[in-house]
C-alpha atoms as a PDB file:
ATOM      1  CA  UNK A   1      83.642  66.404  98.514  1.00  0.00           C
ATOM      2  CA  UNK A   2      82.873  70.043  97.652  1.00  0.00           C
ATOM      3  CA  UNK A   3      85.377  71.214 100.507  1.00  0.00           C
ATOM      4  CA  UNK A   4      88.214  68.875  98.950  1.00  0.00           C
ATOM      5  CA  UNK A   5      87.514  70.614  95.697  1.00  0.00           C
ATOM      6  CA  UNK A   6      87.844  73.975  97.087  1.00  0.00           C
ATOM      7  CA  UNK A   7      90.920  73.125  98.688  1.00  0.00           C
ATOM      8  CA  UNK A   8      92.606  71.683  95.501  1.00  0.00           C
ATOM      9  CA  UNK A   9      91.361  74.825  93.437  1.00  0.00           C
ATOM     10  CA  UNK A  10      92.908  77.062  96.169  1.00  0.00           C
ATOM     11  CA  UNK A  11      96.207  75.110  96.084  1.00  0.00           C
ATOM     12  CA  UNK A  12      96.328  75.166  92.157  1.00  0.00           C
ATOM     13  CA  UNK A  13      95.804  78.850  92.373  1.00  0.00           C
ATOM     14  CA  UNK A  14      98.560  79.448  94.815  1.00  0.00           C
ATOM     15  CA  UNK A  15     100.846  77.226  92.972  1.00  0.00           C
ATOM     16  CA  UNK A  16     100.187  79.471  89.688  1.00  0.00           C
ATOM     17  CA  UNK A  17     100.439  82.705  91.746  1.00  0.00           C
ATOM     18  CA  UNK A  18     103.800  81.270  92.710  1.00  0.00           C
ATOM     19  CA  UNK A  19     105.271  80.675  89.497  1.00  0.00           C
ATOM     20  CA  UNK A  20     104.216  84.372  88.250  1.00  0.00           C
ATOM     21  CA  UNK A  21     106.169  85.859  91.271  1.00  0.00           C
ATOM     22  CA  UNK A  22     109.992  86.460  90.656  1.00  0.00           C
ATOM     23  CA  UNK A  23     112.239  84.099  92.894  1.00  0.00           C
ATOM     24  CA  UNK A  24     113.671  85.993  96.079  1.00  0.00           C
ATOM     25  CA  UNK A  25     116.775  87.636  95.427  1.00  0.00           C
ATOM     26  CA  UNK A  26     119.305  86.717  97.762  1.00  0.00           C
ATOM     27  CA  UNK A  27     121.105  90.093  99.319  1.00  0.00           C
ATOM     28  CA  UNK A  28     124.127  90.329 101.736  1.00  0.00           C
ATOM     29  CA  UNK A  29     122.995  91.327 105.324  1.00  0.00           C
ATOM     30  CA  UNK A  30     123.680  94.624 106.904  1.00  0.00           C
ATOM     31  CA  UNK A  31     126.292  93.012 108.865  1.00  0.00           C
ATOM     32  CA  UNK A  32     128.136  91.407 105.715  1.00  0.00           C
ATOM     33  CA  UNK A  33     128.149  94.835 104.194  1.00  0.00           C
ATOM     34  CA  UNK A  34     129.408  96.490 107.203  1.00  0.00           C
ATOM     35  CA  UNK A  35     132.537  94.414 106.461  1.00  0.00           C
ATOM     36  CA  UNK A  36     132.744  95.953 102.956  1.00  0.00           C
ATOM     37  CA  UNK A  37     132.180  99.685 104.000  1.00  0.00           C
ATOM     38  CA  UNK A  38     133.137 100.243 107.772  1.00  0.00           C
ATOM     39  CA  UNK A  39     136.633 102.011 107.810  1.00  0.00           C
ATOM     40  CA  UNK A  40     137.310 101.883 104.317  1.00  0.00           C
ATOM     41  CA  UNK A  41     137.755 104.736 101.792  1.00  0.00           C
ATOM     42  CA  UNK A  42     136.047 104.363  98.490  1.00  0.00           C
ATOM     43  CA  UNK A  43     138.203 105.969  95.821  1.00  0.00           C
ATOM     44  CA  UNK A  44     136.677 107.302  92.897  1.00  0.00           C
ATOM     45  CA  UNK A  45     138.428 108.911  89.571  1.00  0.00           C
ATOM     46  CA  UNK A  46     137.868 112.565  91.156  1.00  0.00           C
ATOM     47  CA  UNK A  47     137.695 111.917  94.696  1.00  0.00           C
ATOM     48  CA  UNK A  48     137.020 109.553  97.523  1.00  0.00           C
ATOM     49  CA  UNK A  49     134.592 108.815 100.555  1.00  0.00           C
ATOM     50  CA  UNK A  50     135.689 107.459 103.853  1.00  0.00           C
ATOM     51  CA  UNK A  51     133.219 105.410 105.733  1.00  0.00           C
ATOM     52  CA  UNK A  52     133.909 105.455 109.354  1.00  0.00           C
ATOM     53  CA  UNK A  53     133.121 102.732 111.902  1.00  0.00           C
ATOM     54  CA  UNK A  54     130.834 104.949 113.750  1.00  0.00           C
ATOM     55  CA  UNK A  55     128.795 105.701 110.585  1.00  0.00           C
ATOM     56  CA  UNK A  56     130.152 109.285 109.940  1.00  0.00           C
ATOM     57  CA  UNK A  57     130.828 109.790 106.434  1.00  0.00           C
ATOM     58  CA  UNK A  58     133.231 112.580 104.590  1.00  0.00           C
ATOM     59  CA  UNK A  59     133.808 112.926 100.971  1.00  0.00           C
ATOM     60  CA  UNK A  60     135.563 115.098  98.379  1.00  0.00           C
ATOM     61  CA  UNK A  61     135.858 115.708  94.764  1.00  0.00           C
ATOM     62  CA  UNK A  62     138.226 117.790  92.830  1.00  0.00           C
ATOM     63  CA  UNK A  63     137.541 118.668  89.332  1.00  0.00           C
ATOM     64  CA  UNK A  64     139.325 121.320  87.227  1.00  0.00           C
ATOM     65  CA  UNK A  65     138.019 124.581  88.811  1.00  0.00           C
ATOM     66  CA  UNK A  66     135.552 122.873  90.906  1.00  0.00           C
ATOM     67  CA  UNK A  67     136.375 121.517  94.432  1.00  0.00           C
ATOM     68  CA  UNK A  68     133.455 120.122  96.694  1.00  0.00           C
ATOM     69  CA  UNK A  69     133.517 118.379 100.373  1.00  0.00           C
ATOM     70  CA  UNK A  70     130.911 116.578 101.812  1.00  0.00           C
ATOM     71  CA  UNK A  71     130.198 115.735 105.412  1.00  0.00           C
ATOM     72  CA  UNK A  72     127.176 113.238 106.683  1.00  0.00           C
ATOM     73  CA  UNK A  73     126.494 109.827 107.555  1.00  0.00           C
ATOM     74  CA  UNK A  74     126.103 106.209 105.758  1.00  0.00           C
ATOM     75  CA  UNK A  75     123.682 103.447 106.794  1.00  0.00           C
ATOM     76  CA  UNK A  76     123.012 100.100 105.850  1.00  0.00           C
ATOM     77  CA  UNK A  77     119.684  97.621 105.671  1.00  0.00           C
ATOM     78  CA  UNK A  78     118.917  94.105 105.660  1.00  0.00           C
ATOM     79  CA  UNK A  79     117.452  94.131 102.301  1.00  0.00           C
ATOM     80  CA  UNK A  80     120.818  95.011 100.773  1.00  0.00           C
ATOM     81  CA  UNK A  81     121.012  98.795 100.508  1.00  0.00           C
ATOM     82  CA  UNK A  82     123.720 101.104 101.425  1.00  0.00           C
ATOM     83  CA  UNK A  83     122.878 104.753 101.887  1.00  0.00           C
ATOM     84  CA  UNK A  84     125.204 107.972 102.127  1.00  0.00           C
ATOM     85  CA  UNK A  85     123.430 110.995 103.272  1.00  0.00           C
ATOM     86  CA  UNK A  86     125.966 113.961 102.703  1.00  0.00           C
ATOM     87  CA  UNK A  87     125.866 117.628 102.831  1.00  0.00           C
ATOM     88  CA  UNK A  88     127.914 118.890  99.868  1.00  0.00           C
ATOM     89  CA  UNK A  89     129.336 122.282  99.705  1.00  0.00           C
ATOM     90  CA  UNK A  90     132.092 124.092  97.556  1.00  0.00           C
ATOM     91  CA  UNK A  91     133.106 127.860  96.888  1.00  0.00           C
ATOM     92  CA  UNK A  92     129.918 128.232  94.699  1.00  0.00           C
ATOM     93  CA  UNK A  93     127.400 126.295  96.727  1.00  0.00           C
ATOM     94  CA  UNK A  94     126.355 125.700 100.255  1.00  0.00           C
ATOM     95  CA  UNK A  95     124.725 123.067 102.284  1.00  0.00           C
ATOM     96  CA  UNK A  96     123.220 120.831  99.572  1.00  0.00           C
ATOM     97  CA  UNK A  97     121.978 117.664 101.156  1.00  0.00           C
ATOM     98  CA  UNK A  98     122.167 114.720  98.915  1.00  0.00           C
ATOM     99  CA  UNK A  99     121.184 110.863  99.721  1.00  0.00           C
ATOM    100  CA  UNK A 100     122.758 108.182  97.363  1.00  0.00           C
ATOM    101  CA  UNK A 101     121.610 104.456  97.838  1.00  0.00           C
ATOM    102  CA  UNK A 102     123.409 101.653  96.128  1.00  0.00           C
ATOM    103  CA  UNK A 103     121.419  98.140  96.228  1.00  0.00           C
ATOM    104  CA  UNK A 104     123.382  94.940  96.480  1.00  0.00           C
ATOM    105  CA  UNK A 105     122.473  91.478  95.587  1.00  0.00           C
ATOM    106  CA  UNK A 106     124.153  87.942  95.473  1.00  0.00           C
ATOM    107  CA  UNK A 107     124.045  86.490  91.893  1.00  0.00           C
ATOM    108  CA  UNK A 108     125.812  83.506  90.976  1.00  0.00           C
ATOM    109  CA  UNK A 109     127.823  83.652  94.477  1.00  0.00           C
ATOM    110  CA  UNK A 110     129.062  87.235  93.686  1.00  0.00           C
ATOM    111  CA  UNK A 111     127.934  90.602  94.929  1.00  0.00           C
ATOM    112  CA  UNK A 112     126.564  93.049  92.433  1.00  0.00           C
ATOM    113  CA  UNK A 113     125.685  96.542  93.151  1.00  0.00           C
ATOM    114  CA  UNK A 114     123.688  99.156  91.472  1.00  0.00           C
ATOM    115  CA  UNK A 115     122.853 102.703  92.047  1.00  0.00           C
ATOM    116  CA  UNK A 116     119.494 103.696  93.021  1.00  0.00           C
ATOM    117  CA  UNK A 117     116.914 104.007  91.586  1.00  0.00           C
ATOM    118  CA  UNK A 118     117.054 101.753  88.767  1.00  0.00           C
ATOM    119  CA  UNK A 119     120.839 101.798  87.752  1.00  0.00           C
ATOM    120  CA  UNK A 120     122.553  98.698  86.195  1.00  0.00           C
ATOM    121  CA  UNK A 121     123.934  95.839  87.961  1.00  0.00           C
ATOM    122  CA  UNK A 122     127.749  95.897  88.032  1.00  0.00           C
ATOM    123  CA  UNK A 123     130.190  93.565  89.827  1.00  0.00           C
ATOM    124  CA  UNK A 124     130.824  94.710  93.365  1.00  0.00           C
ATOM    125  CA  UNK A 125     132.848  92.037  94.712  1.00  0.00           C
ATOM    126  CA  UNK A 126     133.569  88.595  93.160  1.00  0.00           C
ATOM    127  CA  UNK A 127     134.172  85.539  95.521  1.00  0.00           C
ATOM    128  CA  UNK A 128     137.447  84.765  94.143  1.00  0.00           C
ATOM    129  CA  UNK A 129     138.319  88.504  93.099  1.00  0.00           C
ATOM    130  CA  UNK A 130     138.235  90.143  89.998  1.00  0.00           C
ATOM    131  CA  UNK A 131     139.818  92.964  88.523  1.00  0.00           C
ATOM    132  CA  UNK A 132     136.807  94.711  87.495  1.00  0.00           C
ATOM    133  CA  UNK A 133     135.316  94.273  90.882  1.00  0.00           C
ATOM    134  CA  UNK A 134     134.260  98.046  92.402  1.00  0.00           C
ATOM    135  CA  UNK A 135     135.313  96.571  95.905  1.00  0.00           C
ATOM    136  CA  UNK A 136     138.834  96.860  94.561  1.00  0.00           C
ATOM    137  CA  UNK A 137     138.548 100.688  94.723  1.00  0.00           C
ATOM    138  CA  UNK A 138     138.366 100.592  98.484  1.00  0.00           C
ATOM    139  CA  UNK A 139     141.208 100.932 100.838  1.00  0.00           C
ATOM    140  CA  UNK A 140     141.416 100.106 104.407  1.00  0.00           C
ATOM    141  CA  UNK A 141     141.469 103.395 106.859  1.00  0.00           C
ATOM    142  CA  UNK A 142     140.973 106.722 106.380  1.00  0.00           C
ATOM    143  CA  UNK A 143     143.418 106.943 102.962  1.00  0.00           C
ATOM    144  CA  UNK A 144     142.646 110.047 101.671  1.00  0.00           C
ATOM    145  CA  UNK A 145     142.457 112.419 104.849  1.00  0.00           C
ATOM    146  CA  UNK A 146     145.077 114.474 103.535  1.00  0.00           C
ATOM    147  CA  UNK A 147     143.272 115.284 100.360  1.00  0.00           C
ATOM    148  CA  UNK A 148     139.999 115.866 102.206  1.00  0.00           C
ATOM    149  CA  UNK A 149     141.888 118.170 104.379  1.00  0.00           C
ATOM    150  CA  UNK A 150     143.198 120.153 101.438  1.00  0.00           C
ATOM    151  CA  UNK A 151     139.931 120.136  99.611  1.00  0.00           C
ATOM    152  CA  UNK A 152     138.348 121.635 102.805  1.00  0.00           C
ATOM    153  CA  UNK A 153     140.799 124.484 102.887  1.00  0.00           C
ATOM    154  CA  UNK A 154     139.945 125.376  99.353  1.00  0.00           C
ATOM    155  CA  UNK A 155     136.300 125.398  99.829  1.00  0.00           C
ATOM    156  CA  UNK A 156     136.645 127.151 102.941  1.00  0.00           C
ATOM    157  CA  UNK A 157     139.184 129.838 101.906  1.00  0.00           C
ATOM    158  CA  UNK A 158     137.970 133.356 101.510  1.00  0.00           C
ATOM    159  CA  UNK A 159     139.586 134.026  98.100  1.00  0.00           C
END
């Protein structure tokens, strides 16, 4: 009888603990995220990044009086993260390695994204498509290679 009471107490404690835990968040797999990023160019307001199939990554930014380029790699995890490991350089600084990660989750059937650590969640890709989706800023292929090469020449010029 005491053994049954202990079992019931343990079950009650486990049920209470389960209620206190947040439900597991659904995340896209690394394979699913590969479909979002691989062989695509992510266009930004002042530049772009190209995610090659072989996980190489190159990026550029051009602001008034400031052009930067970066080369490195990108990686995916099965817990919904995409990380960019880039070494940035410009005429005024060289070899600055930066790791930037984005988390992804599936919320109400749509994929959301946020910059780590602790950025706010925003729409990455709706199942039915949406004008505010960040994924709409992606183009197939290396769509900005000419701009990257131009930025590289500016950064590497001796003037």
